[in-house]
């Protein structure tokens, strides 16, 4: 396996890996079951102790 092959493979693998990771984070953030948790976290700075 030549250096050029390793570079091409790692570039393609990295692109696919980060696309899947981004899709997973996006799905997690937009999942309806997480709305309450994110709304609570958004109001946290406004709470007075």
PDB file of N, CA and C in Angstrom:
ATOM      1  N   UNK A   1       0.849  -1.166   0.000  1.00  0.00           N
ATOM      2  CA  UNK A   1       0.000   0.000   0.000  1.00  0.00           C
ATOM      3  C   UNK A   1       0.901   1.237   0.000  1.00  0.00           C
ATOM      4  N   UNK A   2       0.708   2.067  -0.997  1.00  0.00           N
ATOM      5  CA  UNK A   2       1.530   3.258  -1.155  1.00  0.00           C
ATOM      6  C   UNK A   2       0.996   4.396  -0.288  1.00  0.00           C
ATOM      7  N   UNK A   3       1.825   5.379  -0.105  1.00  0.00           N
ATOM      8  CA  UNK A   3       1.458   6.542   0.710  1.00  0.00           C
ATOM      9  C   UNK A   3       0.215   7.229   0.145  1.00  0.00           C
ATOM     10  N   UNK A   4       0.130   7.332  -1.163  1.00  0.00           N
ATOM     11  CA  UNK A   4      -1.022   7.983  -1.805  1.00  0.00           C
ATOM     12  C   UNK A   4      -2.316   7.239  -1.508  1.00  0.00           C
ATOM     13  N   UNK A   5      -2.236   5.911  -1.442  1.00  0.00           N
ATOM     14  CA  UNK A   5      -3.420   5.113  -1.122  1.00  0.00           C
ATOM     15  C   UNK A   5      -3.878   5.360   0.317  1.00  0.00           C
ATOM     16  N   UNK A   6      -2.922   5.451   1.217  1.00  0.00           N
ATOM     17  CA  UNK A   6      -3.251   5.704   2.627  1.00  0.00           C
ATOM     18  C   UNK A   6      -3.880   7.094   2.781  1.00  0.00           C
ATOM     19  N   UNK A   7      -3.351   8.074   2.091  1.00  0.00           N
ATOM     20  CA  UNK A   7      -3.894   9.431   2.152  1.00  0.00           C
ATOM     21  C   UNK A   7      -5.313   9.457   1.608  1.00  0.00           C
ATOM     22  N   UNK A   8      -5.550   8.816   0.490  1.00  0.00           N
ATOM     23  CA  UNK A   8      -6.886   8.797  -0.106  1.00  0.00           C
ATOM     24  C   UNK A   8      -7.869   8.067   0.809  1.00  0.00           C
ATOM     25  N   UNK A   9      -7.459   6.919   1.351  1.00  0.00           N
ATOM     26  CA  UNK A   9      -8.337   6.155   2.240  1.00  0.00           C
ATOM     27  C   UNK A   9      -8.660   6.938   3.505  1.00  0.00           C
ATOM     28  N   UNK A  10      -7.656   7.561   4.101  1.00  0.00           N
ATOM     29  CA  UNK A  10      -7.904   8.295   5.343  1.00  0.00           C
ATOM     30  C   UNK A  10      -8.780   9.522   5.096  1.00  0.00           C
ATOM     31  N   UNK A  11      -8.638  10.162   3.953  1.00  0.00           N
ATOM     32  CA  UNK A  11      -9.490  11.298   3.626  1.00  0.00           C
ATOM     33  C   UNK A  11     -10.944  10.888   3.472  1.00  0.00           C
ATOM     34  N   UNK A  12     -11.180   9.803   2.757  1.00  0.00           N
ATOM     35  CA  UNK A  12     -12.541   9.305   2.560  1.00  0.00           C
ATOM     36  C   UNK A  12     -13.115   8.801   3.875  1.00  0.00           C
ATOM     37  N   UNK A  13     -12.335   8.049   4.629  1.00  0.00           N
ATOM     38  CA  UNK A  13     -12.806   7.533   5.916  1.00  0.00           C
ATOM     39  C   UNK A  13     -13.119   8.669   6.879  1.00  0.00           C
ATOM     40  N   UNK A  14     -12.277   9.680   6.931  1.00  0.00           N
ATOM     41  CA  UNK A  14     -12.511  10.820   7.808  1.00  0.00           C
ATOM     42  C   UNK A  14     -13.777  11.571   7.432  1.00  0.00           C
ATOM     43  N   UNK A  15     -14.003  11.754   6.144  1.00  0.00           N
ATOM     44  CA  UNK A  15     -15.202  12.439   5.687  1.00  0.00           C
ATOM     45  C   UNK A  15     -16.456  11.675   6.087  1.00  0.00           C
ATOM     46  N   UNK A  16     -16.462  10.375   5.852  1.00  0.00           N
ATOM     47  CA  UNK A  16     -17.614   9.547   6.206  1.00  0.00           C
ATOM     48  C   UNK A  16     -17.818   9.525   7.716  1.00  0.00           C
ATOM     49  N   UNK A  17     -16.739   9.399   8.479  1.00  0.00           N
ATOM     50  CA  UNK A  17     -16.827   9.369   9.932  1.00  0.00           C
ATOM     51  C   UNK A  17     -17.452  10.653  10.475  1.00  0.00           C
ATOM     52  N   UNK A  18     -16.983  11.814  10.011  1.00  0.00           N
ATOM     53  CA  UNK A  18     -17.497  13.073  10.520  1.00  0.00           C
ATOM     54  C   UNK A  18     -18.915  13.358  10.026  1.00  0.00           C
ATOM     55  N   UNK A  19     -19.285  12.871   8.850  1.00  0.00           N
ATOM     56  CA  UNK A  19     -20.664  13.013   8.387  1.00  0.00           C
ATOM     57  C   UNK A  19     -21.612  12.200   9.267  1.00  0.00           C
ATOM     58  N   UNK A  20     -21.216  10.982   9.615  1.00  0.00           N
ATOM     59  CA  UNK A  20     -22.038  10.138  10.491  1.00  0.00           C
ATOM     60  C   UNK A  20     -22.107  10.742  11.884  1.00  0.00           C
ATOM     61  N   UNK A  21     -20.996  11.245  12.390  1.00  0.00           N
ATOM     62  CA  UNK A  21     -20.969  11.882  13.704  1.00  0.00           C
ATOM     63  C   UNK A  21     -21.873  13.113  13.729  1.00  0.00           C
ATOM     64  N   UNK A  22     -21.810  13.947  12.707  1.00  0.00           N
ATOM     65  CA  UNK A  22     -22.655  15.131  12.624  1.00  0.00           C
ATOM     66  C   UNK A  22     -24.123  14.754  12.562  1.00  0.00           C
ATOM     67  N   UNK A  23     -24.461  13.741  11.784  1.00  0.00           N
ATOM     68  CA  UNK A  23     -25.850  13.295  11.694  1.00  0.00           C
ATOM     69  C   UNK A  23     -26.337  12.781  13.046  1.00  0.00           C
ATOM     70  N   UNK A  24     -25.486  12.064  13.771  1.00  0.00           N
ATOM     71  CA  UNK A  24     -25.867  11.566  15.091  1.00  0.00           C
ATOM     72  C   UNK A  24     -26.109  12.690  16.078  1.00  0.00           C
ATOM     73  N   UNK A  25     -25.264  13.697  16.083  1.00  0.00           N
ATOM     74  CA  UNK A  25     -25.442  14.836  16.987  1.00  0.00           C
ATOM     75  C   UNK A  25     -26.700  15.607  16.610  1.00  0.00           C
ATOM     76  N   UNK A  26     -26.949  15.775  15.327  1.00  0.00           N
ATOM     77  CA  UNK A  26     -28.139  16.486  14.879  1.00  0.00           C
ATOM     78  C   UNK A  26     -29.410  15.737  15.271  1.00  0.00           C
ATOM     79  N   UNK A  27     -29.414  14.436  15.094  1.00  0.00           N
ATOM     80  CA  UNK A  27     -30.576  13.630  15.487  1.00  0.00           C
ATOM     81  C   UNK A  27     -30.782  13.711  16.991  1.00  0.00           C
ATOM     82  N   UNK A  28     -29.722  13.636  17.769  1.00  0.00           N
ATOM     83  CA  UNK A  28     -29.838  13.729  19.224  1.00  0.00           C
ATOM     84  C   UNK A  28     -30.412  15.085  19.642  1.00  0.00           C
ATOM     85  N   UNK A  29     -29.925  16.151  19.021  1.00  0.00           N
ATOM     86  CA  UNK A  29     -30.360  17.493  19.411  1.00  0.00           C
ATOM     87  C   UNK A  29     -31.801  17.760  19.018  1.00  0.00           C
ATOM     88  N   UNK A  30     -32.273  17.178  17.940  1.00  0.00           N
ATOM     89  CA  UNK A  30     -33.622  17.453  17.461  1.00  0.00           C
ATOM     90  C   UNK A  30     -34.633  16.387  17.861  1.00  0.00           C
ATOM     91  N   UNK A  31     -34.220  15.381  18.612  1.00  0.00           N
ATOM     92  CA  UNK A  31     -35.129  14.316  19.034  1.00  0.00           C
ATOM     93  C   UNK A  31     -36.190  14.896  19.974  1.00  0.00           C
ATOM     94  N   UNK A  32     -37.463  14.622  19.723  1.00  0.00           N
ATOM     95  CA  UNK A  32     -38.523  15.230  20.544  1.00  0.00           C
ATOM     96  C   UNK A  32     -38.423  14.916  22.037  1.00  0.00           C
ATOM     97  N   UNK A  33     -37.892  13.790  22.405  1.00  0.00           N
ATOM     98  CA  UNK A  33     -37.782  13.426  23.810  1.00  0.00           C
ATOM     99  C   UNK A  33     -36.779  14.268  24.580  1.00  0.00           C
ATOM    100  N   UNK A  34     -35.886  14.953  23.894  1.00  0.00           N
ATOM    101  CA  UNK A  34     -34.865  15.769  24.548  1.00  0.00           C
ATOM    102  C   UNK A  34     -35.285  17.223  24.704  1.00  0.00           C
ATOM    103  N   UNK A  35     -36.464  17.590  24.224  1.00  0.00           N
ATOM    104  CA  UNK A  35     -36.898  18.990  24.254  1.00  0.00           C
ATOM    105  C   UNK A  35     -36.955  19.540  25.675  1.00  0.00           C
ATOM    106  N   UNK A  36     -37.522  18.786  26.597  1.00  0.00           N
ATOM    107  CA  UNK A  36     -37.651  19.264  27.974  1.00  0.00           C
ATOM    108  C   UNK A  36     -36.281  19.528  28.593  1.00  0.00           C
ATOM    109  N   UNK A  37     -35.340  18.628  28.346  1.00  0.00           N
ATOM    110  CA  UNK A  37     -33.992  18.782  28.903  1.00  0.00           C
ATOM    111  C   UNK A  37     -33.301  20.034  28.353  1.00  0.00           C
ATOM    112  N   UNK A  38     -33.442  20.279  27.053  1.00  0.00           N
ATOM    113  CA  UNK A  38     -32.804  21.446  26.455  1.00  0.00           C
ATOM    114  C   UNK A  38     -33.504  22.736  26.855  1.00  0.00           C
ATOM    115  N   UNK A  39     -34.823  22.702  26.999  1.00  0.00           N
ATOM    116  CA  UNK A  39     -35.534  23.895  27.470  1.00  0.00           C
ATOM    117  C   UNK A  39     -35.122  24.250  28.895  1.00  0.00           C
ATOM    118  N   UNK A  40     -34.987  23.248  29.732  1.00  0.00           N
ATOM    119  CA  UNK A  40     -34.551  23.476  31.111  1.00  0.00           C
ATOM    120  C   UNK A  40     -33.133  24.044  31.146  1.00  0.00           C
ATOM    121  N   UNK A  41     -32.256  23.540  30.310  1.00  0.00           N
ATOM    122  CA  UNK A  41     -30.883  24.033  30.256  1.00  0.00           C
ATOM    123  C   UNK A  41     -30.839  25.477  29.718  1.00  0.00           C
ATOM    124  N   UNK A  42     -31.762  25.811  28.826  1.00  0.00           N
ATOM    125  CA  UNK A  42     -31.791  27.167  28.280  1.00  0.00           C
ATOM    126  C   UNK A  42     -32.248  28.182  29.320  1.00  0.00           C
ATOM    127  N   UNK A  43     -33.108  27.767  30.237  1.00  0.00           N
ATOM    128  CA  UNK A  43     -33.593  28.678  31.279  1.00  0.00           C
ATOM    129  C   UNK A  43     -32.669  28.728  32.494  1.00  0.00           C
ATOM    130  N   UNK A  44     -31.701  27.879  32.574  1.00  0.00           N
ATOM    131  CA  UNK A  44     -30.825  27.796  33.739  1.00  0.00           C
ATOM    132  C   UNK A  44     -30.111  29.118  34.067  1.00  0.00           C
ATOM    133  N   UNK A  45     -29.585  29.868  33.099  1.00  0.00           N
ATOM    134  CA  UNK A  45     -28.911  31.127  33.451  1.00  0.00           C
ATOM    135  C   UNK A  45     -29.864  32.183  34.012  1.00  0.00           C
ATOM    136  N   UNK A  46     -31.159  32.054  33.747  1.00  0.00           N
ATOM    137  CA  UNK A  46     -32.111  33.048  34.206  1.00  0.00           C
ATOM    138  C   UNK A  46     -32.654  32.765  35.599  1.00  0.00           C
ATOM    139  N   UNK A  47     -32.376  31.583  36.138  1.00  0.00           N
ATOM    140  CA  UNK A  47     -32.868  31.229  37.460  1.00  0.00           C
ATOM    141  C   UNK A  47     -32.108  32.006  38.524  1.00  0.00           C
ATOM    142  N   UNK A  48     -32.833  32.417  39.533  1.00  0.00           N
ATOM    143  CA  UNK A  48     -32.192  33.067  40.681  1.00  0.00           C
ATOM    144  C   UNK A  48     -32.166  32.096  41.830  1.00  0.00           C
ATOM    145  N   UNK A  49     -31.026  31.956  42.432  1.00  0.00           N
ATOM    146  CA  UNK A  49     -30.896  31.010  43.544  1.00  0.00           C
ATOM    147  C   UNK A  49     -31.284  31.636  44.855  1.00  0.00           C
TER     148      UNK A  49
END
